[in-house]
């Protein structure tokens, strides 16, 4: 049986090798004697009724270097496992790649996370399936509805449905002209739906990333704590990461979410919690594994790969 694996990621030169979870997957897979390959969305194609990819052979992957050999073409059937790790947005190019991966899946290729499930679930909306745990939420493109919703709370946050890493998230305290313009921009003048949610003061204690591995919450979490005057805990937005033990509430929510994820063939995910509230379920390219490993010496990626 083939011992080749393929990771579909953003361009290698854009990955932060000191922190990127995809690089940690490459590193651990190499240590387990897998042959590791990488490609981008643009490298996938269909020919002669099969899905193929031009892929780079990864020879070295760690926090200091990432070395590759020449690119070759492979049928996706040549790989033991394929990991879809491309960051959002889930735009048309992303969807087209998922269609091709869906065809490969039908042809017997093992792809994680399941391309059909990535198409099915928007990461911001997915959390609402667990409505008993989410904060108050409004999804709309209508400015008047958002402003009326704001009247119920001292502050709300507004964000796009396809964002990541703390980008384009705004805290609205007063419906002044500047904030109204922000909402208009986010909704593209009331054409595009966005999320509005009650602002959770617990964010200042940390936005917790809990990794869900094969349906079970990992025992260590990463608290992403806002710095200075910012309310954003995301590491990409300047938050400070601190590894913590899983709390009973996080375990409860993680296990309930994990039961659904496994049914959908999603075996590596990240849920975000602020206090006791579930805010997001990341299934495209969950991060923070490297930070958890570096701080706690508990390796979520090794556990993930060993249980495949």
Protein backbone atom coordinates (compact mmCIF):
# COMPACT_ATOMS: atom_id res chain seq x y z
CA UNK A 1 0.00 0.00 0.00
CA UNK A 2 1.16 3.53 -0.76
CA UNK A 3 2.81 5.46 2.03
CA UNK A 4 2.37 8.79 0.24
CA UNK A 5 0.31 11.61 1.72
CA UNK A 6 -0.68 14.92 0.14
CA UNK A 7 -1.42 18.23 1.84
CA UNK A 8 -3.37 20.84 -0.10
CA UNK A 9 -2.38 24.21 1.34
CA UNK A 10 -1.77 27.84 0.56
CA UNK A 11 1.53 28.51 -1.26
CA UNK A 12 4.45 27.20 0.78
CA UNK A 13 6.16 30.60 0.82
CA UNK A 14 3.14 32.07 2.65
CA UNK A 15 3.18 29.52 5.48
CA UNK A 16 4.69 30.58 8.81
CA UNK A 17 6.90 27.55 9.38
CA UNK A 18 7.36 28.38 13.06
CA UNK A 19 3.62 28.18 13.75
CA UNK A 20 1.71 26.62 10.87
CA UNK A 21 -0.18 23.43 11.72
CA UNK A 22 0.20 22.14 8.15
CA UNK A 23 4.00 22.31 8.53
CA UNK A 24 3.73 20.40 11.82
CA UNK A 25 1.67 17.73 10.02
CA UNK A 26 4.42 17.47 7.40
CA UNK A 27 7.11 17.25 10.10
CA UNK A 28 5.33 14.54 12.07
CA UNK A 29 4.40 12.57 8.96
CA UNK A 30 8.03 12.55 7.83
CA UNK A 31 9.10 11.26 11.24
CA UNK A 32 6.56 8.44 10.81
CA UNK A 33 8.15 7.51 7.45
CA UNK A 34 5.41 8.85 5.22
CA UNK A 35 6.35 10.27 1.83
CA UNK A 36 4.99 13.80 2.06
CA UNK A 37 3.77 15.90 -0.86
CA UNK A 38 2.18 19.34 -1.10
CA UNK A 39 0.08 21.12 -3.71
CA UNK A 40 -2.17 24.15 -4.11
CA UNK A 41 -5.74 24.37 -5.41
CA UNK A 42 -4.46 25.36 -8.84
CA UNK A 43 -2.47 22.12 -9.09
CA UNK A 44 -5.57 19.90 -9.08
CA UNK A 45 -7.00 18.78 -12.42
CA UNK A 46 -9.14 16.10 -14.04
CA UNK A 47 -7.91 14.06 -16.98
CA UNK A 48 -8.94 10.67 -18.37
CA UNK A 49 -11.77 10.46 -15.82
CA UNK A 50 -9.38 10.71 -12.85
CA UNK A 51 -8.35 13.56 -10.58
CA UNK A 52 -4.65 14.40 -10.61
CA UNK A 53 -2.31 16.88 -8.99
CA UNK A 54 1.09 18.37 -9.64
CA UNK A 55 2.75 18.02 -6.25
CA UNK A 56 6.03 18.96 -4.59
CA UNK A 57 7.90 16.32 -2.60
CA UNK A 58 8.57 17.65 0.92
CA UNK A 59 11.99 16.44 2.07
CA UNK A 60 12.39 18.49 5.26
CA UNK A 61 9.78 20.28 7.37
CA UNK A 62 10.29 21.85 10.78
CA UNK A 63 10.27 25.23 12.53
CA UNK A 64 13.46 26.38 10.81
CA UNK A 65 13.33 25.02 7.28
CA UNK A 66 11.07 23.64 4.59
CA UNK A 67 12.83 21.84 1.74
CA UNK A 68 11.23 20.41 -1.39
CA UNK A 69 12.17 18.40 -4.47
CA UNK A 70 10.84 18.81 -8.00
CA UNK A 71 7.12 18.71 -8.74
CA UNK A 72 5.60 15.58 -10.28
CA UNK A 73 2.12 14.61 -11.43
CA UNK A 74 0.17 12.02 -9.46
CA UNK A 75 -3.27 10.52 -9.61
CA UNK A 76 -4.93 11.22 -6.26
CA UNK A 77 -5.44 7.46 -6.02
CA UNK A 78 -1.65 7.22 -5.51
CA UNK A 79 -1.96 8.73 -2.03
CA UNK A 80 -2.84 6.90 1.17
CA UNK A 81 -4.32 10.07 2.68
CA UNK A 82 -5.03 13.57 1.41
CA UNK A 83 -5.42 16.51 3.78
CA UNK A 84 -7.39 19.53 2.59
CA UNK A 85 -5.74 22.40 4.50
CA UNK A 86 -6.35 25.47 2.33
CA UNK A 87 -7.29 28.56 4.33
CA UNK A 88 -10.58 30.40 3.63
CA UNK A 89 -12.18 32.20 1.94
CA UNK A 90 -14.20 29.34 0.50
CA UNK A 91 -14.59 31.11 -2.82
CA UNK A 92 -15.41 29.73 -6.27
CA UNK A 93 -11.89 28.39 -6.81
CA UNK A 94 -12.12 26.61 -3.47
CA UNK A 95 -15.55 25.16 -4.34
CA UNK A 96 -14.30 23.96 -7.72
CA UNK A 97 -11.42 22.17 -6.00
CA UNK A 98 -13.88 20.57 -3.59
CA UNK A 99 -15.89 19.30 -6.55
CA UNK A 100 -12.78 17.58 -7.92
CA UNK A 101 -11.93 16.17 -4.50
CA UNK A 102 -15.50 14.90 -4.23
CA UNK A 103 -14.98 12.95 -7.46
CA UNK A 104 -11.74 11.52 -6.10
CA UNK A 105 -13.49 10.56 -2.86
CA UNK A 106 -16.12 8.70 -4.88
CA UNK A 107 -13.22 6.88 -6.57
CA UNK A 108 -12.00 5.63 -3.18
CA UNK A 109 -9.49 8.31 -2.19
CA UNK A 110 -9.35 9.06 1.56
CA UNK A 111 -9.63 12.83 1.99
CA UNK A 112 -9.72 14.71 5.29
CA UNK A 113 -11.65 16.72 5.99
CA UNK A 114 -14.41 15.39 3.78
CA UNK A 115 -14.78 17.75 0.79
CA UNK A 116 -18.55 17.31 0.76
CA UNK A 117 -18.74 18.36 4.42
CA UNK A 118 -16.57 21.42 3.79
CA UNK A 119 -19.05 22.40 1.07
CA UNK A 120 -21.98 21.69 3.38
CA UNK A 121 -20.94 23.71 6.42
CA UNK A 122 -19.96 27.37 6.65
CA UNK A 123 -17.59 27.70 9.60
CA UNK A 124 -19.40 30.69 11.09
CA UNK A 125 -22.87 29.18 10.60
CA UNK A 126 -21.93 25.64 11.66
CA UNK A 127 -21.81 26.64 15.34
CA UNK A 128 -25.50 27.59 15.20
CA UNK A 129 -26.36 23.90 14.84
CA UNK A 130 -25.52 23.81 18.56
CA UNK A 131 -27.88 26.65 19.47
CA UNK A 132 -27.91 25.86 23.19
CA UNK A 133 -24.25 26.91 23.41
CA UNK A 134 -23.98 29.92 21.09
CA UNK A 135 -24.26 33.63 21.95
CA UNK A 136 -27.20 35.64 20.65
CA UNK A 137 -26.76 35.77 16.87
CA UNK A 138 -28.24 37.55 13.88
CA UNK A 139 -27.41 36.74 10.24
CA UNK A 140 -28.66 39.29 7.75
CA UNK A 141 -27.63 41.85 5.16
CA UNK A 142 -30.27 44.36 6.32
CA UNK A 143 -28.85 47.46 8.03
CA UNK A 144 -32.08 48.32 9.89
CA UNK A 145 -32.28 44.82 11.35
CA UNK A 146 -28.67 45.04 12.57
CA UNK A 147 -29.25 48.46 14.15
CA UNK A 148 -32.43 47.23 15.84
CA UNK A 149 -30.55 44.18 17.07
CA UNK A 150 -27.83 46.45 18.53
CA UNK A 151 -30.45 48.14 20.74
CA UNK A 152 -30.67 44.92 22.77
CA UNK A 153 -27.01 45.01 23.80
CA UNK A 154 -24.42 47.47 25.06
CA UNK A 155 -22.07 46.24 22.32
CA UNK A 156 -22.16 43.80 19.42
CA UNK A 157 -19.57 42.40 17.03
CA UNK A 158 -20.10 42.19 13.29
CA UNK A 159 -18.06 39.99 10.94
CA UNK A 160 -18.21 38.45 7.46
CA UNK A 161 -19.30 34.86 6.92
CA UNK A 162 -16.07 33.96 5.12
CA UNK A 163 -13.42 35.65 7.28
CA UNK A 164 -10.59 34.18 9.34
CA UNK A 165 -7.79 35.20 11.67
CA UNK A 166 -9.69 38.14 13.16
CA UNK A 167 -9.94 39.97 9.84
CA UNK A 168 -12.86 42.39 9.34
CA UNK A 169 -14.30 41.84 12.83
CA UNK A 170 -15.66 45.04 14.35
CA UNK A 171 -17.04 45.92 17.77
CA UNK A 172 -20.01 48.25 17.56
CA UNK A 173 -20.67 50.29 20.71
CA UNK A 174 -22.72 53.12 19.22
CA UNK A 175 -24.55 53.29 15.87
CA UNK A 176 -22.67 56.37 14.71
CA UNK A 177 -21.95 57.32 11.13
CA UNK A 178 -18.59 55.55 11.08
CA UNK A 179 -20.03 52.27 12.39
CA UNK A 180 -22.95 52.41 10.00
CA UNK A 181 -20.47 52.77 7.15
CA UNK A 182 -18.55 49.74 8.46
CA UNK A 183 -21.75 47.68 8.34
CA UNK A 184 -22.53 48.95 4.84
CA UNK A 185 -19.06 47.98 3.69
CA UNK A 186 -19.28 44.51 5.24
CA UNK A 187 -22.68 43.88 3.67
CA UNK A 188 -21.66 45.46 0.35
CA UNK A 189 -24.52 47.93 0.72
CA UNK A 190 -26.95 45.38 2.12
CA UNK A 191 -26.34 42.71 -0.53
CA UNK A 192 -24.17 40.27 1.44
CA UNK A 193 -25.16 38.56 4.68
CA UNK A 194 -22.96 39.01 7.73
CA UNK A 195 -23.04 37.84 11.34
CA UNK A 196 -23.90 40.11 14.25
CA UNK A 197 -23.49 38.76 17.78
CA UNK A 198 -23.70 40.03 21.32
CA UNK A 199 -20.28 41.12 22.54
CA UNK A 200 -18.93 38.72 25.15
CA UNK A 201 -16.86 40.38 27.89
CA UNK A 202 -15.24 37.00 28.57
CA UNK A 203 -13.16 37.58 25.41
CA UNK A 204 -10.69 39.46 27.62
CA UNK A 205 -10.06 36.18 29.49
CA UNK A 206 -9.34 34.44 26.20
CA UNK A 207 -10.78 33.11 22.96
CA UNK A 208 -10.18 29.39 23.46
CA UNK A 209 -9.22 27.08 20.60
CA UNK A 210 -10.14 23.47 21.33
CA UNK A 211 -8.91 20.92 18.81
CA UNK A 212 -11.33 18.07 18.07
CA UNK A 213 -9.34 15.02 16.99
CA UNK A 214 -11.26 11.99 15.71
CA UNK A 215 -14.36 13.29 17.47
CA UNK A 216 -12.74 13.94 20.87
CA UNK A 217 -11.54 17.25 22.35
CA UNK A 218 -7.78 17.36 22.90
CA UNK A 219 -6.88 17.68 26.60
CA UNK A 220 -4.94 20.95 26.12
CA UNK A 221 -6.42 24.17 24.72
CA UNK A 222 -4.95 27.46 23.58
CA UNK A 223 -6.33 30.61 25.19
CA UNK A 224 -5.82 33.47 22.73
CA UNK A 225 -5.86 36.60 24.86
CA UNK A 226 -6.37 40.11 23.44
CA UNK A 227 -3.55 42.57 24.01
CA UNK A 228 -3.66 46.30 24.74
CA UNK A 229 -6.88 47.99 23.65
CA UNK A 230 -7.82 45.22 21.20
CA UNK A 231 -10.78 42.89 21.74
CA UNK A 232 -9.39 40.33 19.25
CA UNK A 233 -7.76 37.24 20.66
CA UNK A 234 -6.77 35.74 17.30
CA UNK A 235 -3.01 35.20 17.11
CA UNK A 236 -2.99 36.61 13.58
CA UNK A 237 -4.56 39.77 15.00
CA UNK A 238 -1.97 40.20 17.75
CA UNK A 239 -3.43 38.03 20.51
CA UNK A 240 -1.21 36.24 23.04
CA UNK A 241 -1.47 32.44 23.20
CA UNK A 242 -1.40 30.50 26.46
CA UNK A 243 -1.91 26.73 26.76
CA UNK A 244 -4.52 25.68 29.32
CA UNK A 245 -6.15 22.46 30.50
CA UNK A 246 -9.52 21.60 29.00
CA UNK A 247 -12.36 22.71 31.30
CA UNK A 248 -15.42 20.52 32.03
CA UNK A 249 -17.65 22.82 29.95
CA UNK A 250 -15.24 22.82 27.02
CA UNK A 251 -15.09 19.01 27.25
CA UNK A 252 -18.89 18.79 27.25
CA UNK A 253 -19.28 21.04 24.21
CA UNK A 254 -16.30 19.46 22.43
CA UNK A 255 -17.70 15.96 22.80
CA UNK A 256 -21.15 16.96 21.54
CA UNK A 257 -19.66 18.76 18.55
CA UNK A 258 -17.23 15.88 17.99
CA UNK A 259 -20.09 13.36 17.69
CA UNK A 260 -21.50 15.34 14.76
CA UNK A 261 -18.11 15.93 13.18
CA UNK A 262 -17.31 12.22 13.04
CA UNK A 263 -20.66 11.49 11.39
CA UNK A 264 -19.70 14.03 8.73
CA UNK A 265 -16.21 12.50 8.24
CA UNK A 266 -14.50 15.54 9.78
CA UNK A 267 -11.69 14.12 11.90
CA UNK A 268 -9.59 17.24 12.57
CA UNK A 269 -11.37 20.43 13.59
CA UNK A 270 -11.02 23.39 15.90
CA UNK A 271 -13.84 24.89 17.91
CA UNK A 272 -13.66 28.36 19.43
CA UNK A 273 -15.22 29.21 22.78
CA UNK A 274 -15.46 32.47 24.67
CA UNK A 275 -16.46 31.70 28.24
CA UNK A 276 -19.11 28.99 27.95
CA UNK A 277 -20.21 30.12 24.47
CA UNK A 278 -19.37 28.36 21.21
CA UNK A 279 -18.55 30.90 18.50
CA UNK A 280 -17.03 28.99 15.56
CA UNK A 281 -16.21 25.53 14.22
CA UNK A 282 -13.14 25.51 11.97
CA UNK A 283 -13.05 22.59 9.54
CA UNK A 284 -11.00 23.99 6.64
CA UNK A 285 -7.55 24.46 8.19
CA UNK A 286 -7.63 24.29 12.00
CA UNK A 287 -4.62 25.92 13.61
CA UNK A 288 -2.89 26.28 17.01
CA UNK A 289 -1.53 22.71 17.16
CA UNK A 290 2.08 23.96 17.07
CA UNK A 291 1.50 26.46 19.89
CA UNK A 292 -0.16 23.80 22.05
CA UNK A 293 2.70 21.36 21.40
CA UNK A 294 5.44 23.93 22.05
CA UNK A 295 3.96 25.06 25.37
CA UNK A 296 2.67 21.77 26.78
CA UNK A 297 4.81 19.10 25.06
CA UNK A 298 1.49 17.39 24.22
CA UNK A 299 1.35 16.80 20.48
CA UNK A 300 -2.16 16.88 18.96
CA UNK A 301 -0.86 16.22 15.43
CA UNK A 302 1.01 13.05 16.45
CA UNK A 303 -2.17 11.80 18.14
CA UNK A 304 -4.17 12.63 15.02
CA UNK A 305 -1.84 10.84 12.60
CA UNK A 306 -1.40 7.79 14.80
CA UNK A 307 -5.16 7.24 14.99
CA UNK A 308 -5.88 7.50 11.26
